[in-house]
C-alpha cells in the first residue's frame, strides 16, 4: 500500500515538490490522484470487467471475493516495485547532485511519485 500519510508528503517536500508550471501542486495533493483513479477503476470494473467475466465464470459478481483479494495482492506487489524504482531514481539524482543533507531538496518534480499512486487507486 502506498503510504498516503505524512511520510509521503514529507518525502515529496524533500523532493522539491512544488512544481512551478501553470499552477503549483502541493505534495499532499497526490492523494487526490488515488481518489481519481479509484473512481475511474470503479466505472471500468462495473461497466466492462464484471459483465465480461460474468459470461465466463457464471458468477453474478464476476469473480469471487478471494479472487478480488488475489488481484489486489498482485497490484500491491506492483505498487511496491514502482515505489522501489521511484526511490532508486530519487537516490541516484541525489547522488548525482551531491545532495546528502536532510534539508536539501532533490531536483525532481513531484510527478516522479505519481505512478505509484495510480495503481493504488485502482487497487482500492
C-alpha atoms as a PDB file:
ATOM      1  CA  UNK A   1       0.000   0.000   0.000  1.00  0.00           C
ATOM      2  CA  UNK A   2       1.232   3.440  -0.822  1.00  0.00           C
ATOM      3  CA  UNK A   3       1.825   5.405   2.321  1.00  0.00           C
ATOM      4  CA  UNK A   4      -0.790   8.091   1.862  1.00  0.00           C
ATOM      5  CA  UNK A   5       0.243   9.852   5.002  1.00  0.00           C
ATOM      6  CA  UNK A   6       2.693  12.375   6.348  1.00  0.00           C
ATOM      7  CA  UNK A   7       5.575  10.087   5.323  1.00  0.00           C
ATOM      8  CA  UNK A   8       4.810  10.501   1.638  1.00  0.00           C
ATOM      9  CA  UNK A   9       4.087  14.197   1.995  1.00  0.00           C
ATOM     10  CA  UNK A  10       7.411  14.647   3.774  1.00  0.00           C
ATOM     11  CA  UNK A  11       9.213  12.764   1.044  1.00  0.00           C
ATOM     12  CA  UNK A  12       7.524  14.961  -1.531  1.00  0.00           C
ATOM     13  CA  UNK A  13       8.601  18.125   0.257  1.00  0.00           C
ATOM     14  CA  UNK A  14      12.176  16.863   0.435  1.00  0.00           C
ATOM     15  CA  UNK A  15      11.795  16.031  -3.250  1.00  0.00           C
ATOM     16  CA  UNK A  16      11.466  19.686  -4.262  1.00  0.00           C
ATOM     17  CA  UNK A  17       7.776  19.033  -4.550  1.00  0.00           C
ATOM     18  CA  UNK A  18       6.421  22.382  -5.599  1.00  0.00           C
ATOM     19  CA  UNK A  19       6.026  22.115  -9.331  1.00  0.00           C
ATOM     20  CA  UNK A  20       6.159  25.512 -10.931  1.00  0.00           C
ATOM     21  CA  UNK A  21       4.289  25.352 -14.182  1.00  0.00           C
ATOM     22  CA  UNK A  22       0.815  26.697 -14.803  1.00  0.00           C
ATOM     23  CA  UNK A  23      -0.063  26.058 -11.169  1.00  0.00           C
ATOM     24  CA  UNK A  24       1.799  24.884  -8.102  1.00  0.00           C
ATOM     25  CA  UNK A  25       0.974  21.420  -6.853  1.00  0.00           C
ATOM     26  CA  UNK A  26       1.353  20.749  -3.142  1.00  0.00           C
ATOM     27  CA  UNK A  27       2.827  17.365  -2.197  1.00  0.00           C
ATOM     28  CA  UNK A  28      -0.250  16.342  -0.245  1.00  0.00           C
ATOM     29  CA  UNK A  29      -2.346  16.732  -3.419  1.00  0.00           C
ATOM     30  CA  UNK A  30      -1.003  13.432  -4.705  1.00  0.00           C
ATOM     31  CA  UNK A  31      -3.590  11.684  -2.575  1.00  0.00           C
ATOM     32  CA  UNK A  32      -6.225  13.197  -4.868  1.00  0.00           C
ATOM     33  CA  UNK A  33      -4.862  11.015  -7.662  1.00  0.00           C
ATOM     34  CA  UNK A  34      -5.654   7.930  -5.578  1.00  0.00           C
ATOM     35  CA  UNK A  35      -9.282   9.034  -5.376  1.00  0.00           C
ATOM     36  CA  UNK A  36      -9.451   9.944  -9.076  1.00  0.00           C
ATOM     37  CA  UNK A  37      -8.095   6.582 -10.177  1.00  0.00           C
ATOM     38  CA  UNK A  38     -10.330   4.809  -7.673  1.00  0.00           C
ATOM     39  CA  UNK A  39     -13.390   6.409  -9.231  1.00  0.00           C
ATOM     40  CA  UNK A  40     -12.182   5.569 -12.733  1.00  0.00           C
ATOM     41  CA  UNK A  41     -11.495   1.964 -11.777  1.00  0.00           C
ATOM     42  CA  UNK A  42     -14.972   1.584 -10.232  1.00  0.00           C
ATOM     43  CA  UNK A  43     -16.580   2.608 -13.517  1.00  0.00           C
ATOM     44  CA  UNK A  44     -14.315   0.330 -15.562  1.00  0.00           C
ATOM     45  CA  UNK A  45     -14.897  -2.560 -13.152  1.00  0.00           C
ATOM     46  CA  UNK A  46     -18.701  -2.227 -13.059  1.00  0.00           C
ATOM     47  CA  UNK A  47     -19.325  -1.387 -16.716  1.00  0.00           C
ATOM     48  CA  UNK A  48     -16.756  -3.516 -18.518  1.00  0.00           C
ATOM     49  CA  UNK A  49     -14.979  -6.067 -16.340  1.00  0.00           C
ATOM     50  CA  UNK A  50     -17.902  -7.609 -14.421  1.00  0.00           C
ATOM     51  CA  UNK A  51     -20.152  -8.190 -17.479  1.00  0.00           C
ATOM     52  CA  UNK A  52     -17.286  -9.731 -19.448  1.00  0.00           C
ATOM     53  CA  UNK A  53     -16.143 -12.003 -16.622  1.00  0.00           C
ATOM     54  CA  UNK A  54     -19.734 -12.888 -15.623  1.00  0.00           C
ATOM     55  CA  UNK A  55     -20.160 -14.601 -19.002  1.00  0.00           C
ATOM     56  CA  UNK A  56     -17.006 -16.618 -18.407  1.00  0.00           C
ATOM     57  CA  UNK A  57     -17.475 -17.581 -14.735  1.00  0.00           C
ATOM     58  CA  UNK A  58     -21.250 -17.582 -14.343  1.00  0.00           C
ATOM     59  CA  UNK A  59     -20.829 -15.764 -11.022  1.00  0.00           C
ATOM     60  CA  UNK A  60     -23.202 -12.762 -10.746  1.00  0.00           C
ATOM     61  CA  UNK A  61     -20.415 -10.747  -9.066  1.00  0.00           C
ATOM     62  CA  UNK A  62     -17.935 -11.572 -11.816  1.00  0.00           C
ATOM     63  CA  UNK A  63     -15.215 -13.005  -9.605  1.00  0.00           C
ATOM     64  CA  UNK A  64     -15.243 -14.196  -6.008  1.00  0.00           C
ATOM     65  CA  UNK A  65     -14.022 -12.139  -3.080  1.00  0.00           C
ATOM     66  CA  UNK A  66     -10.988 -14.404  -2.745  1.00  0.00           C
ATOM     67  CA  UNK A  67     -10.075 -13.735  -6.376  1.00  0.00           C
ATOM     68  CA  UNK A  68     -10.515  -9.989  -5.811  1.00  0.00           C
ATOM     69  CA  UNK A  69      -8.142 -10.233  -2.837  1.00  0.00           C
ATOM     70  CA  UNK A  70      -5.625 -12.084  -5.013  1.00  0.00           C
ATOM     71  CA  UNK A  71      -5.762  -9.393  -7.696  1.00  0.00           C
ATOM     72  CA  UNK A  72      -5.324  -6.705  -5.036  1.00  0.00           C
ATOM     73  CA  UNK A  73      -2.310  -8.552  -3.644  1.00  0.00           C
ATOM     74  CA  UNK A  74      -0.702  -8.698  -7.090  1.00  0.00           C
ATOM     75  CA  UNK A  75      -1.401  -4.977  -7.603  1.00  0.00           C
ATOM     76  CA  UNK A  76       0.133  -4.280  -4.198  1.00  0.00           C
ATOM     77  CA  UNK A  77       3.346  -6.040  -5.248  1.00  0.00           C
ATOM     78  CA  UNK A  78       3.395  -3.983  -8.460  1.00  0.00           C
ATOM     79  CA  UNK A  79       2.941  -0.778  -6.439  1.00  0.00           C
ATOM     80  CA  UNK A  80       5.856  -1.748  -4.204  1.00  0.00           C
ATOM     81  CA  UNK A  81       8.062  -2.366  -7.257  1.00  0.00           C
ATOM     82  CA  UNK A  82       7.094   1.007  -8.741  1.00  0.00           C
ATOM     83  CA  UNK A  83       7.818   2.714  -5.401  1.00  0.00           C
ATOM     84  CA  UNK A  84      11.198   0.970  -5.323  1.00  0.00           C
ATOM     85  CA  UNK A  85      12.043   2.266  -8.790  1.00  0.00           C
ATOM     86  CA  UNK A  86      10.941   5.799  -7.842  1.00  0.00           C
ATOM     87  CA  UNK A  87      13.066   5.651  -4.693  1.00  0.00           C
ATOM     88  CA  UNK A  88      16.090   4.429  -6.637  1.00  0.00           C
ATOM     89  CA  UNK A  89      15.629   7.287  -9.119  1.00  0.00           C
ATOM     90  CA  UNK A  90      15.461   9.826  -6.296  1.00  0.00           C
ATOM     91  CA  UNK A  91      18.601   8.374  -4.719  1.00  0.00           C
ATOM     92  CA  UNK A  92      20.509   8.379  -7.999  1.00  0.00           C
ATOM     93  CA  UNK A  93      19.587  12.010  -8.681  1.00  0.00           C
ATOM     94  CA  UNK A  94      20.574  12.977  -5.118  1.00  0.00           C
ATOM     95  CA  UNK A  95      23.904  11.188  -5.512  1.00  0.00           C
ATOM     96  CA  UNK A  96      24.450  12.781  -8.922  1.00  0.00           C
ATOM     97  CA  UNK A  97      23.900  16.280  -7.497  1.00  0.00           C
ATOM     98  CA  UNK A  98      25.822  15.547  -4.258  1.00  0.00           C
ATOM     99  CA  UNK A  99      22.771  16.122  -2.069  1.00  0.00           C
ATOM    100  CA  UNK A 100      23.185  14.404   1.281  1.00  0.00           C
ATOM    101  CA  UNK A 101      21.626  16.719   3.875  1.00  0.00           C
ATOM    102  CA  UNK A 102      18.186  16.327   5.411  1.00  0.00           C
ATOM    103  CA  UNK A 103      17.120  19.813   4.409  1.00  0.00           C
ATOM    104  CA  UNK A 104      18.463  19.662   0.849  1.00  0.00           C
ATOM    105  CA  UNK A 105      15.957  19.221  -1.953  1.00  0.00           C
ATOM    106  CA  UNK A 106      16.319  16.764  -4.790  1.00  0.00           C
ATOM    107  CA  UNK A 107      15.753  18.473  -8.168  1.00  0.00           C
ATOM    108  CA  UNK A 108      12.868  16.255  -9.268  1.00  0.00           C
ATOM    109  CA  UNK A 109       9.222  17.010  -9.748  1.00  0.00           C
ATOM    110  CA  UNK A 110       6.564  15.522  -7.549  1.00  0.00           C
ATOM    111  CA  UNK A 111       5.298  13.616 -10.588  1.00  0.00           C
ATOM    112  CA  UNK A 112       8.076  11.051 -10.161  1.00  0.00           C
ATOM    113  CA  UNK A 113       5.891   9.660  -7.350  1.00  0.00           C
ATOM    114  CA  UNK A 114       2.638   9.719  -9.341  1.00  0.00           C
ATOM    115  CA  UNK A 115       2.978   6.249 -10.966  1.00  0.00           C
ATOM    116  CA  UNK A 116       2.763   4.546  -7.579  1.00  0.00           C
ATOM    117  CA  UNK A 117      -0.422   6.420  -6.680  1.00  0.00           C
ATOM    118  CA  UNK A 118      -2.341   5.467  -9.843  1.00  0.00           C
ATOM    119  CA  UNK A 119      -2.381   1.665  -9.320  1.00  0.00           C
ATOM    120  CA  UNK A 120      -3.152   2.209  -5.646  1.00  0.00           C
ATOM    121  CA  UNK A 121      -6.404   3.922  -6.581  1.00  0.00           C
ATOM    122  CA  UNK A 122      -7.300   1.009  -8.834  1.00  0.00           C
ATOM    123  CA  UNK A 123      -6.382  -1.496  -6.163  1.00  0.00           C
ATOM    124  CA  UNK A 124      -8.675   0.033  -3.587  1.00  0.00           C
END
